[in-house]
């Protein structure tokens, strides 16, 4: 059913709806490309949404996520590099 925003993917509409209901940052963790990336995918429409793409099977590293509800940013994210593999990307 057309909603006037047919060019916007359904997942983006869902993320915007979640962002609109939350007064604090929301962290979405995914692994589509399996490279470490921390970004705001929809900065104008969902400014509280922070997206973290994690490492995959070719880059066996880890990610540490700290959650501090008293910090306005809430989330602190950093990669943990496997010393037996060279960091990529």
PDB file of N, CA and C in Angstrom:
ATOM      1  N   UNK A   1       0.846  -1.170   0.000  1.00  0.00           N
ATOM      2  CA  UNK A   1       0.000   0.000   0.000  1.00  0.00           C
ATOM      3  C   UNK A   1       0.897   1.242   0.000  1.00  0.00           C
ATOM      4  N   UNK A   2       0.725   2.153  -0.959  1.00  0.00           N
ATOM      5  CA  UNK A   2       1.549   3.354  -1.006  1.00  0.00           C
ATOM      6  C   UNK A   2       1.328   4.221   0.223  1.00  0.00           C
ATOM      7  N   UNK A   3       2.423   4.766   0.740  1.00  0.00           N
ATOM      8  CA  UNK A   3       2.320   5.638   1.903  1.00  0.00           C
ATOM      9  C   UNK A   3       2.925   7.003   1.629  1.00  0.00           C
ATOM     10  N   UNK A   4       3.167   7.315   0.344  1.00  0.00           N
ATOM     11  CA  UNK A   4       3.772   8.583   0.009  1.00  0.00           C
ATOM     12  C   UNK A   4       5.281   8.556   0.112  1.00  0.00           C
ATOM     13  N   UNK A   5       5.841   7.438   0.574  1.00  0.00           N
ATOM     14  CA  UNK A   5       7.287   7.311   0.750  1.00  0.00           C
ATOM     15  C   UNK A   5       7.743   5.981   0.161  1.00  0.00           C
ATOM     16  N   UNK A   6       7.258   5.636  -1.002  1.00  0.00           N
ATOM     17  CA  UNK A   6       7.555   4.323  -1.567  1.00  0.00           C
ATOM     18  C   UNK A   6       9.021   4.140  -1.896  1.00  0.00           C
ATOM     19  N   UNK A   7       9.788   5.238  -2.007  1.00  0.00           N
ATOM     20  CA  UNK A   7      11.211   5.091  -2.291  1.00  0.00           C
ATOM     21  C   UNK A   7      12.018   4.783  -1.036  1.00  0.00           C
ATOM     22  N   UNK A   8      11.388   4.818   0.127  1.00  0.00           N
ATOM     23  CA  UNK A   8      12.078   4.533   1.391  1.00  0.00           C
ATOM     24  C   UNK A   8      11.909   3.058   1.707  1.00  0.00           C
ATOM     25  N   UNK A   9      13.023   2.325   1.862  1.00  0.00           N
ATOM     26  CA  UNK A   9      12.920   0.891   2.171  1.00  0.00           C
ATOM     27  C   UNK A   9      12.174   0.647   3.487  1.00  0.00           C
ATOM     28  N   UNK A  10      11.461  -0.481   3.583  1.00  0.00           N
ATOM     29  CA  UNK A  10      10.716  -0.790   4.813  1.00  0.00           C
ATOM     30  C   UNK A  10      11.592  -0.790   6.060  1.00  0.00           C
ATOM     31  N   UNK A  11      12.828  -1.265   5.968  1.00  0.00           N
ATOM     32  CA  UNK A  11      13.677  -1.295   7.156  1.00  0.00           C
ATOM     33  C   UNK A  11      13.997   0.129   7.621  1.00  0.00           C
ATOM     34  N   UNK A  12      14.151   1.050   6.688  1.00  0.00           N
ATOM     35  CA  UNK A  12      14.403   2.434   7.077  1.00  0.00           C
ATOM     36  C   UNK A  12      13.182   3.016   7.782  1.00  0.00           C
ATOM     37  N   UNK A  13      11.990   2.738   7.272  1.00  0.00           N
ATOM     38  CA  UNK A  13      10.764   3.225   7.940  1.00  0.00           C
ATOM     39  C   UNK A  13      10.671   2.653   9.351  1.00  0.00           C
ATOM     40  N   UNK A  14      11.021   1.372   9.517  1.00  0.00           N
ATOM     41  CA  UNK A  14      10.990   0.749  10.836  1.00  0.00           C
ATOM     42  C   UNK A  14      11.992   1.416  11.777  1.00  0.00           C
ATOM     43  N   UNK A  15      13.211   1.644  11.303  1.00  0.00           N
ATOM     44  CA  UNK A  15      14.236   2.279  12.140  1.00  0.00           C
ATOM     45  C   UNK A  15      13.835   3.702  12.510  1.00  0.00           C
ATOM     46  N   UNK A  16      13.222   4.422  11.585  1.00  0.00           N
ATOM     47  CA  UNK A  16      12.743   5.777  11.885  1.00  0.00           C
ATOM     48  C   UNK A  16      11.648   5.734  12.954  1.00  0.00           C
ATOM     49  N   UNK A  17      10.760   4.755  12.875  1.00  0.00           N
ATOM     50  CA  UNK A  17       9.681   4.628  13.864  1.00  0.00           C
ATOM     51  C   UNK A  17      10.245   4.310  15.242  1.00  0.00           C
ATOM     52  N   UNK A  18      11.226   3.426  15.309  1.00  0.00           N
ATOM     53  CA  UNK A  18      11.856   3.098  16.589  1.00  0.00           C
ATOM     54  C   UNK A  18      12.555   4.327  17.144  1.00  0.00           C
ATOM     55  N   UNK A  19      13.283   5.030  16.301  1.00  0.00           N
ATOM     56  CA  UNK A  19      13.993   6.226  16.726  1.00  0.00           C
ATOM     57  C   UNK A  19      13.021   7.279  17.269  1.00  0.00           C
ATOM     58  N   UNK A  20      11.882   7.433  16.616  1.00  0.00           N
ATOM     59  CA  UNK A  20      10.905   8.441  17.037  1.00  0.00           C
ATOM     60  C   UNK A  20      10.317   8.135  18.411  1.00  0.00           C
ATOM     61  N   UNK A  21      10.260   6.860  18.772  1.00  0.00           N
ATOM     62  CA  UNK A  21       9.680   6.472  20.072  1.00  0.00           C
ATOM     63  C   UNK A  21      10.701   6.491  21.200  1.00  0.00           C
ATOM     64  N   UNK A  22      11.968   6.553  20.872  1.00  0.00           N
ATOM     65  CA  UNK A  22      13.008   6.487  21.904  1.00  0.00           C
ATOM     66  C   UNK A  22      13.662   7.854  22.079  1.00  0.00           C
ATOM     67  N   UNK A  23      13.674   8.380  23.298  1.00  0.00           N
ATOM     68  CA  UNK A  23      14.328   9.668  23.521  1.00  0.00           C
ATOM     69  C   UNK A  23      15.852   9.549  23.633  1.00  0.00           C
ATOM     70  N   UNK A  24      16.360   8.334  23.647  1.00  0.00           N
ATOM     71  CA  UNK A  24      17.792   8.085  23.815  1.00  0.00           C
ATOM     72  C   UNK A  24      18.333   7.348  22.598  1.00  0.00           C
ATOM     73  N   UNK A  25      19.659   7.261  22.496  1.00  0.00           N
ATOM     74  CA  UNK A  25      20.245   6.528  21.367  1.00  0.00           C
ATOM     75  C   UNK A  25      19.813   5.059  21.324  1.00  0.00           C
ATOM     76  N   UNK A  26      19.691   4.557  20.112  1.00  0.00           N
ATOM     77  CA  UNK A  26      19.355   3.154  19.843  1.00  0.00           C
ATOM     78  C   UNK A  26      20.520   2.581  19.042  1.00  0.00           C
ATOM     79  N   UNK A  27      20.997   1.395  19.417  1.00  0.00           N
ATOM     80  CA  UNK A  27      22.108   0.758  18.719  1.00  0.00           C
ATOM     81  C   UNK A  27      21.586  -0.426  17.914  1.00  0.00           C
ATOM     82  N   UNK A  28      21.838  -0.386  16.611  1.00  0.00           N
ATOM     83  CA  UNK A  28      21.496  -1.475  15.706  1.00  0.00           C
ATOM     84  C   UNK A  28      22.804  -2.174  15.336  1.00  0.00           C
ATOM     85  N   UNK A  29      22.904  -3.467  15.636  1.00  0.00           N
ATOM     86  CA  UNK A  29      24.104  -4.245  15.321  1.00  0.00           C
ATOM     87  C   UNK A  29      23.756  -5.201  14.192  1.00  0.00           C
ATOM     88  N   UNK A  30      24.587  -5.180  13.142  1.00  0.00           N
ATOM     89  CA  UNK A  30      24.325  -6.032  11.989  1.00  0.00           C
ATOM     90  C   UNK A  30      25.643  -6.482  11.366  1.00  0.00           C
ATOM     91  N   UNK A  31      25.577  -7.387  10.407  1.00  0.00           N
ATOM     92  CA  UNK A  31      26.788  -7.933   9.813  1.00  0.00           C
ATOM     93  C   UNK A  31      26.738  -8.061   8.308  1.00  0.00           C
ATOM     94  N   UNK A  32      26.033  -7.187   7.623  1.00  0.00           N
ATOM     95  CA  UNK A  32      25.870  -7.316   6.172  1.00  0.00           C
ATOM     96  C   UNK A  32      27.193  -7.424   5.422  1.00  0.00           C
ATOM     97  N   UNK A  33      28.078  -6.465   5.612  1.00  0.00           N
ATOM     98  CA  UNK A  33      29.336  -6.454   4.869  1.00  0.00           C
ATOM     99  C   UNK A  33      30.489  -7.044   5.645  1.00  0.00           C
ATOM    100  N   UNK A  34      30.273  -7.272   6.919  1.00  0.00           N
ATOM    101  CA  UNK A  34      31.271  -7.867   7.810  1.00  0.00           C
ATOM    102  C   UNK A  34      32.582  -7.101   7.825  1.00  0.00           C
ATOM    103  N   UNK A  35      32.469  -5.784   7.851  1.00  0.00           N
ATOM    104  CA  UNK A  35      33.614  -4.930   8.122  1.00  0.00           C
ATOM    105  C   UNK A  35      33.198  -4.014   9.264  1.00  0.00           C
ATOM    106  N   UNK A  36      34.134  -3.639  10.109  1.00  0.00           N
ATOM    107  CA  UNK A  36      33.810  -2.794  11.247  1.00  0.00           C
ATOM    108  C   UNK A  36      33.452  -1.398  10.742  1.00  0.00           C
ATOM    109  N   UNK A  37      32.252  -0.962  11.099  1.00  0.00           N
ATOM    110  CA  UNK A  37      31.810   0.381  10.734  1.00  0.00           C
ATOM    111  C   UNK A  37      30.795   0.848  11.765  1.00  0.00           C
ATOM    112  N   UNK A  38      30.990   2.038  12.268  1.00  0.00           N
ATOM    113  CA  UNK A  38      30.068   2.655  13.214  1.00  0.00           C
ATOM    114  C   UNK A  38      29.572   3.939  12.552  1.00  0.00           C
ATOM    115  N   UNK A  39      28.249   4.046  12.361  1.00  0.00           N
ATOM    116  CA  UNK A  39      27.738   5.205  11.630  1.00  0.00           C
ATOM    117  C   UNK A  39      26.278   5.471  11.987  1.00  0.00           C
ATOM    118  N   UNK A  40      25.801   6.604  11.534  1.00  0.00           N
ATOM    119  CA  UNK A  40      24.382   6.971  11.672  1.00  0.00           C
ATOM    120  C   UNK A  40      23.778   6.862  10.271  1.00  0.00           C
ATOM    121  N   UNK A  41      23.027   5.790   9.999  1.00  0.00           N
ATOM    122  CA  UNK A  41      22.548   5.558   8.641  1.00  0.00           C
ATOM    123  C   UNK A  41      21.509   6.563   8.144  1.00  0.00           C
ATOM    124  N   UNK A  42      20.734   7.136   9.045  1.00  0.00           N
ATOM    125  CA  UNK A  42      19.687   8.079   8.658  1.00  0.00           C
ATOM    126  C   UNK A  42      19.785   9.311   9.563  1.00  0.00           C
ATOM    127  N   UNK A  43      20.848  10.111   9.423  1.00  0.00           N
ATOM    128  CA  UNK A  43      21.090  11.189  10.390  1.00  0.00           C
ATOM    129  C   UNK A  43      19.988  12.240  10.466  1.00  0.00           C
ATOM    130  N   UNK A  44      19.286  12.483   9.383  1.00  0.00           N
ATOM    131  CA  UNK A  44      18.232  13.500   9.405  1.00  0.00           C
ATOM    132  C   UNK A  44      16.900  12.955   9.885  1.00  0.00           C
ATOM    133  N   UNK A  45      16.577  11.724   9.521  1.00  0.00           N
ATOM    134  CA  UNK A  45      15.265  11.156   9.844  1.00  0.00           C
ATOM    135  C   UNK A  45      15.274  10.329  11.126  1.00  0.00           C
ATOM    136  N   UNK A  46      16.439   9.817  11.528  1.00  0.00           N
ATOM    137  CA  UNK A  46      16.548   9.000  12.747  1.00  0.00           C
ATOM    138  C   UNK A  46      17.862   9.346  13.443  1.00  0.00           C
ATOM    139  N   UNK A  47      17.967  10.549  14.005  1.00  0.00           N
ATOM    140  CA  UNK A  47      19.241  10.997  14.580  1.00  0.00           C
ATOM    141  C   UNK A  47      19.715  10.216  15.796  1.00  0.00           C
ATOM    142  N   UNK A  48      18.820   9.498  16.475  1.00  0.00           N
ATOM    143  CA  UNK A  48      19.223   8.714  17.644  1.00  0.00           C
ATOM    144  C   UNK A  48      19.680   7.310  17.291  1.00  0.00           C
ATOM    145  N   UNK A  49      19.583   6.936  16.022  1.00  0.00           N
ATOM    146  CA  UNK A  49      19.941   5.587  15.599  1.00  0.00           C
ATOM    147  C   UNK A  49      21.433   5.515  15.258  1.00  0.00           C
ATOM    148  N   UNK A  50      22.126   4.655  15.956  1.00  0.00           N
ATOM    149  CA  UNK A  50      23.538   4.389  15.718  1.00  0.00           C
ATOM    150  C   UNK A  50      23.645   2.959  15.214  1.00  0.00           C
ATOM    151  N   UNK A  51      24.335   2.764  14.102  1.00  0.00           N
ATOM    152  CA  UNK A  51      24.444   1.434  13.505  1.00  0.00           C
ATOM    153  C   UNK A  51      25.884   0.944  13.597  1.00  0.00           C
ATOM    154  N   UNK A  52      26.024  -0.306  13.987  1.00  0.00           N
ATOM    155  CA  UNK A  52      27.333  -0.945  14.106  1.00  0.00           C
ATOM    156  C   UNK A  52      27.354  -2.179  13.218  1.00  0.00           C
ATOM    157  N   UNK A  53      28.210  -2.145  12.214  1.00  0.00           N
ATOM    158  CA  UNK A  53      28.431  -3.328  11.382  1.00  0.00           C
ATOM    159  C   UNK A  53      29.646  -4.045  11.962  1.00  0.00           C
ATOM    160  N   UNK A  54      29.510  -5.318  12.238  1.00  0.00           N
ATOM    161  CA  UNK A  54      30.560  -6.077  12.916  1.00  0.00           C
ATOM    162  C   UNK A  54      31.403  -6.879  11.935  1.00  0.00           C
ATOM    163  N   UNK A  55      32.520  -7.366  12.441  1.00  0.00           N
ATOM    164  CA  UNK A  55      33.449  -8.176  11.655  1.00  0.00           C
ATOM    165  C   UNK A  55      32.798  -9.489  11.233  1.00  0.00           C
ATOM    166  N   UNK A  56      33.353 -10.092  10.198  1.00  0.00           N
ATOM    167  CA  UNK A  56      32.834 -11.362   9.719  1.00  0.00           C
ATOM    168  C   UNK A  56      33.869 -12.459   9.758  1.00  0.00           C
ATOM    169  N   UNK A  57      33.607 -13.511   9.019  1.00  0.00           N
ATOM    170  CA  UNK A  57      34.453 -14.703   9.094  1.00  0.00           C
ATOM    171  C   UNK A  57      35.857 -14.494   8.530  1.00  0.00           C
ATOM    172  N   UNK A  58      36.066 -13.500   7.671  1.00  0.00           N
ATOM    173  CA  UNK A  58      37.411 -13.247   7.146  1.00  0.00           C
ATOM    174  C   UNK A  58      38.234 -12.371   8.091  1.00  0.00           C
ATOM    175  N   UNK A  59      37.570 -11.677   8.983  1.00  0.00           N
ATOM    176  CA  UNK A  59      38.222 -10.804   9.959  1.00  0.00           C
ATOM    177  C   UNK A  59      37.751 -11.217  11.346  1.00  0.00           C
ATOM    178  N   UNK A  60      38.444 -12.156  11.953  1.00  0.00           N
ATOM    179  CA  UNK A  60      38.012 -12.690  13.245  1.00  0.00           C
ATOM    180  C   UNK A  60      38.538 -11.780  14.359  1.00  0.00           C
ATOM    181  N   UNK A  61      37.797 -10.693  14.561  1.00  0.00           N
ATOM    182  CA  UNK A  61      38.074  -9.736  15.631  1.00  0.00           C
ATOM    183  C   UNK A  61      36.800  -9.633  16.464  1.00  0.00           C
ATOM    184  N   UNK A  62      36.821  -8.807  17.479  1.00  0.00           N
ATOM    185  CA  UNK A  62      35.652  -8.639  18.339  1.00  0.00           C
ATOM    186  C   UNK A  62      35.327  -7.155  18.477  1.00  0.00           C
ATOM    187  N   UNK A  63      34.195  -6.880  19.094  1.00  0.00           N
ATOM    188  CA  UNK A  63      33.770  -5.512  19.359  1.00  0.00           C
ATOM    189  C   UNK A  63      33.336  -5.433  20.815  1.00  0.00           C
ATOM    190  N   UNK A  64      33.820  -4.415  21.497  1.00  0.00           N
ATOM    191  CA  UNK A  64      33.397  -4.167  22.869  1.00  0.00           C
ATOM    192  C   UNK A  64      32.383  -3.028  22.849  1.00  0.00           C
ATOM    193  N   UNK A  65      31.256  -3.263  23.502  1.00  0.00           N
ATOM    194  CA  UNK A  65      30.210  -2.249  23.598  1.00  0.00           C
ATOM    195  C   UNK A  65      29.969  -1.981  25.077  1.00  0.00           C
ATOM    196  N   UNK A  66      30.190  -0.755  25.485  1.00  0.00           N
ATOM    197  CA  UNK A  66      29.914  -0.336  26.859  1.00  0.00           C
ATOM    198  C   UNK A  66      28.630   0.485  26.847  1.00  0.00           C
ATOM    199  N   UNK A  67      27.774   0.244  27.821  1.00  0.00           N
ATOM    200  CA  UNK A  67      26.504   0.956  27.924  1.00  0.00           C
ATOM    201  C   UNK A  67      26.489   1.716  29.237  1.00  0.00           C
ATOM    202  N   UNK A  68      26.358   3.032  29.131  1.00  0.00           N
ATOM    203  CA  UNK A  68      26.295   3.881  30.313  1.00  0.00           C
ATOM    204  C   UNK A  68      25.059   4.766  30.197  1.00  0.00           C
ATOM    205  N   UNK A  69      23.975   4.400  30.874  1.00  0.00           N
ATOM    206  CA  UNK A  69      22.737   5.184  30.768  1.00  0.00           C
ATOM    207  C   UNK A  69      22.881   6.618  31.258  1.00  0.00           C
ATOM    208  N   UNK A  70      23.913   6.905  32.057  1.00  0.00           N
ATOM    209  CA  UNK A  70      24.121   8.263  32.554  1.00  0.00           C
ATOM    210  C   UNK A  70      24.878   9.148  31.563  1.00  0.00           C
ATOM    211  N   UNK A  71      25.456   8.541  30.540  1.00  0.00           N
ATOM    212  CA  UNK A  71      26.173   9.280  29.497  1.00  0.00           C
ATOM    213  C   UNK A  71      25.167   9.626  28.401  1.00  0.00           C
ATOM    214  N   UNK A  72      25.105  10.877  27.951  1.00  0.00           N
ATOM    215  CA  UNK A  72      24.155  11.226  26.889  1.00  0.00           C
ATOM    216  C   UNK A  72      24.328  10.393  25.613  1.00  0.00           C
ATOM    217  N   UNK A  73      25.544   9.957  25.321  1.00  0.00           N
ATOM    218  CA  UNK A  73      25.787   9.128  24.137  1.00  0.00           C
ATOM    219  C   UNK A  73      25.351   7.680  24.362  1.00  0.00           C
ATOM    220  N   UNK A  74      25.262   7.246  25.589  1.00  0.00           N
ATOM    221  CA  UNK A  74      24.868   5.911  26.050  1.00  0.00           C
ATOM    222  C   UNK A  74      25.859   4.816  25.659  1.00  0.00           C
ATOM    223  N   UNK A  75      26.217   4.720  24.371  1.00  0.00           N
ATOM    224  CA  UNK A  75      27.058   3.623  23.893  1.00  0.00           C
ATOM    225  C   UNK A  75      28.482   4.082  23.616  1.00  0.00           C
ATOM    226  N   UNK A  76      29.437   3.264  24.038  1.00  0.00           N
ATOM    227  CA  UNK A  76      30.847   3.429  23.659  1.00  0.00           C
ATOM    228  C   UNK A  76      31.238   2.132  22.963  1.00  0.00           C
ATOM    229  N   UNK A  77      31.751   2.251  21.754  1.00  0.00           N
ATOM    230  CA  UNK A  77      32.056   1.081  20.926  1.00  0.00           C
ATOM    231  C   UNK A  77      33.511   1.144  20.505  1.00  0.00           C
ATOM    232  N   UNK A  78      34.193   0.006  20.605  1.00  0.00           N
ATOM    233  CA  UNK A  78      35.558  -0.045  20.096  1.00  0.00           C
ATOM    234  C   UNK A  78      35.873  -1.447  19.602  1.00  0.00           C
ATOM    235  N   UNK A  79      36.675  -1.514  18.531  1.00  0.00           N
ATOM    236  CA  UNK A  79      37.076  -2.830  18.031  1.00  0.00           C
ATOM    237  C   UNK A  79      38.138  -3.434  18.931  1.00  0.00           C
ATOM    238  N   UNK A  80      38.121  -4.735  19.058  1.00  0.00           N
ATOM    239  CA  UNK A  80      39.160  -5.476  19.771  1.00  0.00           C
ATOM    240  C   UNK A  80      39.857  -6.335  18.716  1.00  0.00           C
ATOM    241  N   UNK A  81      41.085  -5.974  18.409  1.00  0.00           N
ATOM    242  CA  UNK A  81      41.805  -6.626  17.322  1.00  0.00           C
ATOM    243  C   UNK A  81      42.433  -7.938  17.766  1.00  0.00           C
ATOM    244  N   UNK A  82      42.247  -8.960  16.976  1.00  0.00           N
ATOM    245  CA  UNK A  82      42.879 -10.249  17.182  1.00  0.00           C
ATOM    246  C   UNK A  82      44.361 -10.088  16.850  1.00  0.00           C
ATOM    247  N   UNK A  83      45.272 -10.321  17.796  1.00  0.00           N
ATOM    248  CA  UNK A  83      46.696 -10.093  17.528  1.00  0.00           C
ATOM    249  C   UNK A  83      47.266 -11.050  16.478  1.00  0.00           C
ATOM    250  N   UNK A  84      46.552 -12.096  16.141  1.00  0.00           N
ATOM    251  CA  UNK A  84      47.028 -13.052  15.147  1.00  0.00           C
ATOM    252  C   UNK A  84      46.569 -12.718  13.740  1.00  0.00           C
ATOM    253  N   UNK A  85      45.812 -11.617  13.609  1.00  0.00           N
ATOM    254  CA  UNK A  85      45.350 -11.171  12.299  1.00  0.00           C
ATOM    255  C   UNK A  85      45.636  -9.686  12.155  1.00  0.00           C
ATOM    256  N   UNK A  86      46.036  -9.285  10.978  1.00  0.00           N
ATOM    257  CA  UNK A  86      46.277  -7.859  10.714  1.00  0.00           C
ATOM    258  C   UNK A  86      44.938  -7.168  10.563  1.00  0.00           C
ATOM    259  N   UNK A  87      44.761  -5.975  11.196  1.00  0.00           N
ATOM    260  CA  UNK A  87      43.510  -5.224  11.002  1.00  0.00           C
ATOM    261  C   UNK A  87      43.344  -4.843   9.533  1.00  0.00           C
ATOM    262  N   UNK A  88      42.090  -4.899   9.062  1.00  0.00           N
ATOM    263  CA  UNK A  88      41.787  -4.500   7.674  1.00  0.00           C
ATOM    264  C   UNK A  88      40.692  -3.445   7.693  1.00  0.00           C
ATOM    265  N   UNK A  89      40.697  -2.648   6.624  1.00  0.00           N
ATOM    266  CA  UNK A  89      39.618  -1.719   6.363  1.00  0.00           C
ATOM    267  C   UNK A  89      39.448  -0.659   7.337  1.00  0.00           C
TER     268      UNK A  89
END
